Amino acid sequence: MKWTIHLASREFGIDRRTLSRALAGMGHELKKGSKFATREICTAVFGDSERERARLTRAQAEGEEMKNKERSGELVELDSIATVFRQCMLPVRQRLMALPAEACAHANPSDPQLAREALQRWVDESLPMIRMKLPKS
């Protein structure tokens, strides 16, 4: 038997828009007067238990795989990576901040103040640029 969306929605007690969305989600082309097999209508109304079981099994396997990777250290939380990254970058930032005071005499021995000001401008411009490139946490 073949069903139109109108007849199937009345027979199965489902809104025709809901049935149409389900059929479209299954890949059916919806045209005026289209007819569908009883099996297609039942799958749209009640779902495909075989596919649902396969999807559930796949999801459970993926969950177990993630747990195993986490236990073995292959998978870590983003927060812990961000903490390590901040700890690594803090000394770099501190050195950049100290650069104008520490390097000015070497950069321009005849006018260290001029060198300090130039290096400070460079640091002041560089740190925001670096900050913009970092991922947001």
N, C-alpha and C. Protein backbone atom coordinates (compact mmCIF):
# COMPACT_ATOMS: atom_id res chain seq x y z
N MET A 1 0.84 -1.18 0.00
CA MET A 1 0.00 0.00 0.00
C MET A 1 0.88 1.24 0.00
N LYS A 2 0.46 2.24 -0.71
CA LYS A 2 1.18 3.51 -0.76
C LYS A 2 0.33 4.57 -0.06
N TRP A 3 1.05 5.47 0.65
CA TRP A 3 0.39 6.50 1.46
C TRP A 3 0.80 7.89 1.01
N THR A 4 -0.18 8.80 1.00
CA THR A 4 0.17 10.22 0.88
C THR A 4 0.44 10.72 2.30
N ILE A 5 1.08 11.84 2.41
CA ILE A 5 1.36 12.40 3.74
C ILE A 5 0.04 12.70 4.46
N HIS A 6 -0.92 13.20 3.73
CA HIS A 6 -2.22 13.54 4.33
C HIS A 6 -2.89 12.30 4.93
N LEU A 7 -2.97 11.21 4.15
CA LEU A 7 -3.63 9.98 4.63
C LEU A 7 -2.85 9.35 5.79
N ALA A 8 -1.53 9.31 5.66
CA ALA A 8 -0.71 8.69 6.71
C ALA A 8 -0.80 9.48 8.01
N SER A 9 -0.81 10.79 7.91
CA SER A 9 -0.87 11.59 9.13
C SER A 9 -2.20 11.37 9.85
N ARG A 10 -3.30 11.22 9.10
CA ARG A 10 -4.60 10.94 9.72
C ARG A 10 -4.62 9.54 10.32
N GLU A 11 -4.10 8.55 9.60
CA GLU A 11 -4.14 7.16 10.05
C GLU A 11 -3.26 6.94 11.29
N PHE A 12 -2.09 7.55 11.31
CA PHE A 12 -1.14 7.32 12.41
C PHE A 12 -1.26 8.37 13.51
N GLY A 13 -2.12 9.35 13.34
CA GLY A 13 -2.35 10.35 14.38
C GLY A 13 -1.14 11.24 14.62
N ILE A 14 -0.52 11.65 13.56
CA ILE A 14 0.68 12.51 13.65
C ILE A 14 0.45 13.73 12.78
N ASP A 15 0.92 14.87 13.21
CA ASP A 15 0.78 16.09 12.43
C ASP A 15 1.50 15.91 11.09
N ARG A 16 0.88 16.37 10.01
CA ARG A 16 1.48 16.17 8.69
C ARG A 16 2.82 16.88 8.54
N ARG A 17 2.99 18.03 9.23
CA ARG A 17 4.29 18.74 9.15
C ARG A 17 5.38 17.92 9.83
N THR A 18 5.03 17.29 10.95
CA THR A 18 5.99 16.44 11.65
C THR A 18 6.38 15.25 10.77
N LEU A 19 5.38 14.64 10.16
CA LEU A 19 5.63 13.51 9.26
C LEU A 19 6.47 13.95 8.07
N SER A 20 6.16 15.11 7.50
CA SER A 20 6.92 15.63 6.36
C SER A 20 8.38 15.85 6.73
N ARG A 21 8.63 16.44 7.92
CA ARG A 21 10.02 16.67 8.37
C ARG A 21 10.75 15.34 8.54
N ALA A 22 10.05 14.35 9.11
CA ALA A 22 10.68 13.04 9.32
C ALA A 22 11.03 12.38 7.99
N LEU A 23 10.11 12.44 7.05
CA LEU A 23 10.38 11.85 5.73
C LEU A 23 11.51 12.59 5.01
N ALA A 24 11.50 13.92 5.10
CA ALA A 24 12.59 14.70 4.49
C ALA A 24 13.92 14.37 5.15
N GLY A 25 13.90 14.18 6.46
CA GLY A 25 15.12 13.81 7.19
C GLY A 25 15.66 12.45 6.78
N MET A 26 14.77 11.61 6.27
CA MET A 26 15.19 10.29 5.79
C MET A 26 15.69 10.36 4.35
N GLY A 27 15.62 11.55 3.74
CA GLY A 27 16.13 11.71 2.39
C GLY A 27 15.08 11.62 1.30
N HIS A 28 13.82 11.57 1.67
CA HIS A 28 12.76 11.51 0.67
C HIS A 28 12.49 12.89 0.09
N GLU A 29 12.20 12.91 -1.19
CA GLU A 29 11.84 14.15 -1.86
C GLU A 29 10.33 14.35 -1.69
N LEU A 30 9.96 15.49 -1.16
CA LEU A 30 8.55 15.75 -0.88
C LEU A 30 7.96 16.62 -1.97
N LYS A 31 7.08 16.02 -2.76
CA LYS A 31 6.37 16.76 -3.80
C LYS A 31 4.89 16.56 -3.54
N LYS A 32 4.09 17.47 -4.05
CA LYS A 32 2.64 17.35 -3.90
C LYS A 32 2.19 16.03 -4.55
N GLY A 33 1.46 15.24 -3.78
CA GLY A 33 0.95 13.97 -4.29
C GLY A 33 1.93 12.81 -4.17
N SER A 34 3.12 13.03 -3.56
CA SER A 34 4.08 11.94 -3.39
C SER A 34 3.46 10.84 -2.54
N LYS A 35 3.82 9.60 -2.86
CA LYS A 35 3.31 8.46 -2.09
C LYS A 35 4.48 7.68 -1.53
N PHE A 36 4.23 7.11 -0.35
CA PHE A 36 5.30 6.42 0.38
C PHE A 36 4.81 5.05 0.82
N ALA A 37 5.75 4.09 0.87
CA ALA A 37 5.42 2.74 1.31
C ALA A 37 5.13 2.76 2.81
N THR A 38 4.37 1.76 3.25
CA THR A 38 4.02 1.66 4.67
C THR A 38 5.28 1.61 5.53
N ARG A 39 6.27 0.88 5.07
CA ARG A 39 7.52 0.78 5.83
C ARG A 39 8.17 2.16 6.00
N GLU A 40 8.17 2.98 4.95
CA GLU A 40 8.75 4.32 5.02
C GLU A 40 7.98 5.19 6.01
N ILE A 41 6.65 5.09 5.97
CA ILE A 41 5.83 5.86 6.90
C ILE A 41 6.08 5.40 8.34
N CYS A 42 6.13 4.09 8.54
CA CYS A 42 6.37 3.56 9.90
C CYS A 42 7.74 3.97 10.42
N THR A 43 8.73 3.95 9.57
CA THR A 43 10.07 4.38 9.98
C THR A 43 10.07 5.86 10.35
N ALA A 44 9.35 6.67 9.57
CA ALA A 44 9.27 8.10 9.86
C ALA A 44 8.53 8.36 11.16
N VAL A 45 7.47 7.57 11.43
CA VAL A 45 6.66 7.78 12.63
C VAL A 45 7.32 7.19 13.87
N PHE A 46 7.81 5.96 13.77
CA PHE A 46 8.30 5.24 14.95
C PHE A 46 9.82 5.18 15.06
N GLY A 47 10.53 5.55 14.01
CA GLY A 47 11.99 5.49 14.03
C GLY A 47 12.49 4.16 13.53
N ASP A 48 13.77 4.09 13.29
CA ASP A 48 14.41 2.88 12.79
C ASP A 48 15.22 2.29 13.93
N SER A 49 14.65 1.27 14.58
CA SER A 49 15.28 0.72 15.79
C SER A 49 16.67 0.13 15.50
N GLU A 50 16.85 -0.43 14.31
CA GLU A 50 18.16 -0.99 13.96
C GLU A 50 19.22 0.11 13.91
N ARG A 51 18.89 1.18 13.23
CA ARG A 51 19.83 2.31 13.14
C ARG A 51 20.07 2.95 14.49
N GLU A 52 19.03 3.05 15.30
CA GLU A 52 19.17 3.63 16.63
C GLU A 52 20.10 2.78 17.49
N ARG A 53 19.96 1.46 17.42
CA ARG A 53 20.85 0.56 18.18
C ARG A 53 22.29 0.71 17.70
N ALA A 54 22.48 0.80 16.38
CA ALA A 54 23.83 0.96 15.83
C ALA A 54 24.41 2.30 16.26
N ARG A 55 23.58 3.36 16.24
CA ARG A 55 24.04 4.68 16.67
C ARG A 55 24.43 4.66 18.15
N LEU A 56 23.60 4.01 18.97
CA LEU A 56 23.89 3.92 20.40
C LEU A 56 25.18 3.14 20.65
N THR A 57 25.34 2.03 19.95
CA THR A 57 26.56 1.22 20.09
C THR A 57 27.79 2.02 19.69
N ARG A 58 27.67 2.77 18.58
CA ARG A 58 28.79 3.60 18.12
C ARG A 58 29.12 4.68 19.15
N ALA A 59 28.09 5.32 19.70
CA ALA A 59 28.31 6.37 20.69
C ALA A 59 28.96 5.81 21.96
N GLN A 60 28.53 4.63 22.39
CA GLN A 60 29.13 4.00 23.56
C GLN A 60 30.59 3.65 23.31
N ALA A 61 30.87 3.14 22.11
CA ALA A 61 32.26 2.78 21.77
C ALA A 61 33.13 4.03 21.73
N GLU A 62 32.62 5.12 21.17
CA GLU A 62 33.38 6.37 21.13
C GLU A 62 33.63 6.90 22.53
N GLY A 63 32.63 6.78 23.40
CA GLY A 63 32.79 7.21 24.79
C GLY A 63 33.87 6.42 25.51
N GLU A 64 33.86 5.11 25.31
CA GLU A 64 34.89 4.25 25.93
C GLU A 64 36.27 4.57 25.37
N GLU A 65 36.33 4.83 24.07
CA GLU A 65 37.61 5.17 23.45
C GLU A 65 38.16 6.47 24.03
N MET A 66 37.29 7.45 24.24
CA MET A 66 37.73 8.72 24.83
C MET A 66 38.21 8.51 26.26
N LYS A 67 37.50 7.70 27.03
CA LYS A 67 37.92 7.41 28.41
C LYS A 67 39.29 6.75 28.42
N ASN A 68 39.50 5.79 27.51
CA ASN A 68 40.80 5.11 27.43
C ASN A 68 41.92 6.08 27.05
N LYS A 69 41.63 6.98 26.10
CA LYS A 69 42.65 7.96 25.71
C LYS A 69 42.96 8.91 26.86
N GLU A 70 41.94 9.26 27.63
CA GLU A 70 42.16 10.15 28.77
C GLU A 70 43.01 9.45 29.83
N ARG A 71 42.70 8.18 30.09
CA ARG A 71 43.48 7.42 31.08
C ARG A 71 44.94 7.26 30.64
N SER A 72 45.16 7.06 29.34
CA SER A 72 46.53 6.84 28.86
C SER A 72 47.30 8.14 28.66
N GLY A 73 46.60 9.28 28.80
CA GLY A 73 47.27 10.57 28.66
C GLY A 73 47.29 11.11 27.25
N GLU A 74 46.64 10.41 26.31
CA GLU A 74 46.56 10.91 24.93
C GLU A 74 45.58 12.06 24.81
N LEU A 75 44.63 12.12 25.72
CA LEU A 75 43.59 13.14 25.69
C LEU A 75 43.62 13.88 27.01
N VAL A 76 43.74 15.20 26.94
CA VAL A 76 43.76 16.02 28.16
C VAL A 76 42.74 17.14 28.03
N GLU A 77 42.35 17.67 29.18
CA GLU A 77 41.37 18.75 29.18
C GLU A 77 42.03 20.04 28.74
N LEU A 78 41.26 20.85 28.04
CA LEU A 78 41.74 22.11 27.51
C LEU A 78 42.21 23.03 28.63
N ASP A 79 41.53 23.03 29.77
CA ASP A 79 41.93 23.89 30.89
C ASP A 79 43.34 23.57 31.37
N SER A 80 43.69 22.29 31.42
CA SER A 80 45.03 21.93 31.89
C SER A 80 46.10 22.36 30.89
N ILE A 81 45.76 22.28 29.59
CA ILE A 81 46.70 22.74 28.56
C ILE A 81 46.88 24.26 28.67
N ALA A 82 45.78 24.97 28.90
CA ALA A 82 45.86 26.43 29.03
C ALA A 82 46.71 26.82 30.23
N THR A 83 46.59 26.09 31.33
CA THR A 83 47.39 26.38 32.52
C THR A 83 48.87 26.17 32.24
N VAL A 84 49.21 25.07 31.60
CA VAL A 84 50.61 24.80 31.26
C VAL A 84 51.14 25.87 30.31
N PHE A 85 50.33 26.24 29.33
CA PHE A 85 50.74 27.25 28.36
C PHE A 85 51.02 28.58 29.06
N ARG A 86 50.11 28.97 29.97
CA ARG A 86 50.31 30.23 30.71
C ARG A 86 51.60 30.17 31.55
N GLN A 87 51.84 29.03 32.18
CA GLN A 87 53.05 28.88 32.99
C GLN A 87 54.31 28.98 32.12
N CYS A 88 54.24 28.46 30.92
CA CYS A 88 55.40 28.53 30.01
C CYS A 88 55.60 29.94 29.47
N MET A 89 54.50 30.64 29.20
CA MET A 89 54.60 31.95 28.58
C MET A 89 54.89 33.07 29.58
N LEU A 90 54.62 32.85 30.85
CA LEU A 90 54.85 33.90 31.85
C LEU A 90 56.30 34.37 31.86
N PRO A 91 57.30 33.48 31.89
CA PRO A 91 58.69 33.96 31.86
C PRO A 91 59.03 34.73 30.58
N VAL A 92 58.45 34.31 29.46
CA VAL A 92 58.69 35.01 28.19
C VAL A 92 58.14 36.43 28.29
N ARG A 93 56.93 36.56 28.82
CA ARG A 93 56.32 37.88 28.99
C ARG A 93 57.16 38.74 29.94
N GLN A 94 57.61 38.14 31.02
CA GLN A 94 58.42 38.90 31.99
C GLN A 94 59.72 39.40 31.36
N ARG A 95 60.33 38.56 30.54
CA ARG A 95 61.57 38.97 29.86
C ARG A 95 61.29 40.11 28.87
N LEU A 96 60.19 40.01 28.14
CA LEU A 96 59.83 41.08 27.21
C LEU A 96 59.58 42.39 27.96
N MET A 97 58.91 42.30 29.09
CA MET A 97 58.62 43.51 29.87
C MET A 97 59.92 44.14 30.41
N ALA A 98 60.90 43.31 30.73
CA ALA A 98 62.17 43.82 31.28
C ALA A 98 63.14 44.27 30.19
N LEU A 99 62.88 43.91 28.95
CA LEU A 99 63.79 44.19 27.84
C LEU A 99 64.21 45.67 27.74
N PRO A 100 63.31 46.62 27.78
CA PRO A 100 63.74 48.01 27.63
C PRO A 100 64.76 48.45 28.68
N ALA A 101 64.52 48.09 29.93
CA ALA A 101 65.44 48.50 31.00
C ALA A 101 66.78 47.77 30.91
N GLU A 102 66.73 46.48 30.55
CA GLU A 102 67.95 45.68 30.55
C GLU A 102 68.81 45.87 29.30
N ALA A 103 68.19 46.14 28.16
CA ALA A 103 68.94 46.15 26.91
C ALA A 103 69.24 47.56 26.38
N CYS A 104 68.71 48.58 27.02
CA CYS A 104 68.86 49.93 26.45
C CYS A 104 70.33 50.36 26.34
N ALA A 105 71.13 50.05 27.33
CA ALA A 105 72.54 50.45 27.29
C ALA A 105 73.30 49.71 26.19
N HIS A 106 72.91 48.49 25.91
CA HIS A 106 73.57 47.71 24.85
C HIS A 106 73.09 48.17 23.47
N ALA A 107 71.83 48.55 23.37
CA ALA A 107 71.27 48.94 22.08
C ALA A 107 71.80 50.29 21.61
N ASN A 108 71.98 51.22 22.53
CA ASN A 108 72.46 52.55 22.17
C ASN A 108 73.28 53.10 23.35
N PRO A 109 74.56 52.76 23.41
CA PRO A 109 75.38 53.19 24.54
C PRO A 109 75.48 54.72 24.67
N SER A 110 75.39 55.44 23.59
CA SER A 110 75.53 56.90 23.67
C SER A 110 74.25 57.57 24.17
N ASP A 111 73.09 56.94 23.98
CA ASP A 111 71.82 57.52 24.47
C ASP A 111 70.88 56.38 24.91
N PRO A 112 71.16 55.76 26.07
CA PRO A 112 70.35 54.63 26.53
C PRO A 112 68.88 55.00 26.77
N GLN A 113 68.61 56.26 27.14
CA GLN A 113 67.21 56.65 27.38
C GLN A 113 66.40 56.59 26.08
N LEU A 114 67.00 57.04 24.99
CA LEU A 114 66.33 56.97 23.69
C LEU A 114 66.06 55.51 23.31
N ALA A 115 67.03 54.65 23.54
CA ALA A 115 66.87 53.22 23.25
C ALA A 115 65.79 52.61 24.14
N ARG A 116 65.77 53.00 25.41
CA ARG A 116 64.77 52.47 26.33
C ARG A 116 63.35 52.85 25.87
N GLU A 117 63.18 54.09 25.46
CA GLU A 117 61.87 54.54 24.99
C GLU A 117 61.44 53.79 23.73
N ALA A 118 62.38 53.60 22.82
CA ALA A 118 62.07 52.87 21.57
C ALA A 118 61.73 51.41 21.88
N LEU A 119 62.51 50.79 22.74
CA LEU A 119 62.23 49.40 23.10
C LEU A 119 60.91 49.28 23.86
N GLN A 120 60.60 50.24 24.70
CA GLN A 120 59.33 50.21 25.45
C GLN A 120 58.14 50.33 24.50
N ARG A 121 58.26 51.20 23.50
CA ARG A 121 57.19 51.32 22.49
C ARG A 121 57.00 49.98 21.76
N TRP A 122 58.13 49.35 21.42
CA TRP A 122 58.07 48.06 20.72
C TRP A 122 57.35 47.02 21.59
N VAL A 123 57.71 46.94 22.86
CA VAL A 123 57.06 45.99 23.78
C VAL A 123 55.58 46.32 23.92
N ASP A 124 55.27 47.60 24.09
CA ASP A 124 53.87 48.02 24.26
C ASP A 124 53.03 47.70 23.03
N GLU A 125 53.62 47.73 21.85
CA GLU A 125 52.90 47.37 20.62
C GLU A 125 52.84 45.86 20.43
N SER A 126 53.88 45.16 20.84
CA SER A 126 53.98 43.72 20.58
C SER A 126 53.07 42.88 21.46
N LEU A 127 53.00 43.21 22.74
CA LEU A 127 52.21 42.37 23.64
C LEU A 127 50.73 42.29 23.25
N PRO A 128 50.06 43.40 22.91
CA PRO A 128 48.67 43.26 22.47
C PRO A 128 48.54 42.44 21.18
N MET A 129 49.50 42.58 20.27
CA MET A 129 49.46 41.80 19.03
C MET A 129 49.57 40.31 19.35
N ILE A 130 50.45 39.97 20.25
CA ILE A 130 50.61 38.56 20.65
C ILE A 130 49.34 38.07 21.32
N ARG A 131 48.78 38.88 22.21
CA ARG A 131 47.56 38.52 22.94
C ARG A 131 46.41 38.25 21.97
N MET A 132 46.32 39.04 20.89
CA MET A 132 45.23 38.84 19.92
C MET A 132 45.36 37.50 19.19
N LYS A 133 46.58 37.02 19.04
CA LYS A 133 46.81 35.76 18.31
C LYS A 133 46.54 34.53 19.17
N LEU A 134 46.50 34.71 20.49
CA LEU A 134 46.30 33.56 21.38
C LEU A 134 44.83 33.15 21.35
N PRO A 135 44.58 31.84 21.49
CA PRO A 135 43.18 31.38 21.54
C PRO A 135 42.51 31.88 22.81
N LYS A 136 41.22 32.17 22.70
CA LYS A 136 40.45 32.64 23.86
C LYS A 136 40.12 31.45 24.74
N SER A 137 40.21 31.65 26.04
CA SER A 137 39.87 30.53 26.95
C SER A 137 38.68 30.88 27.80
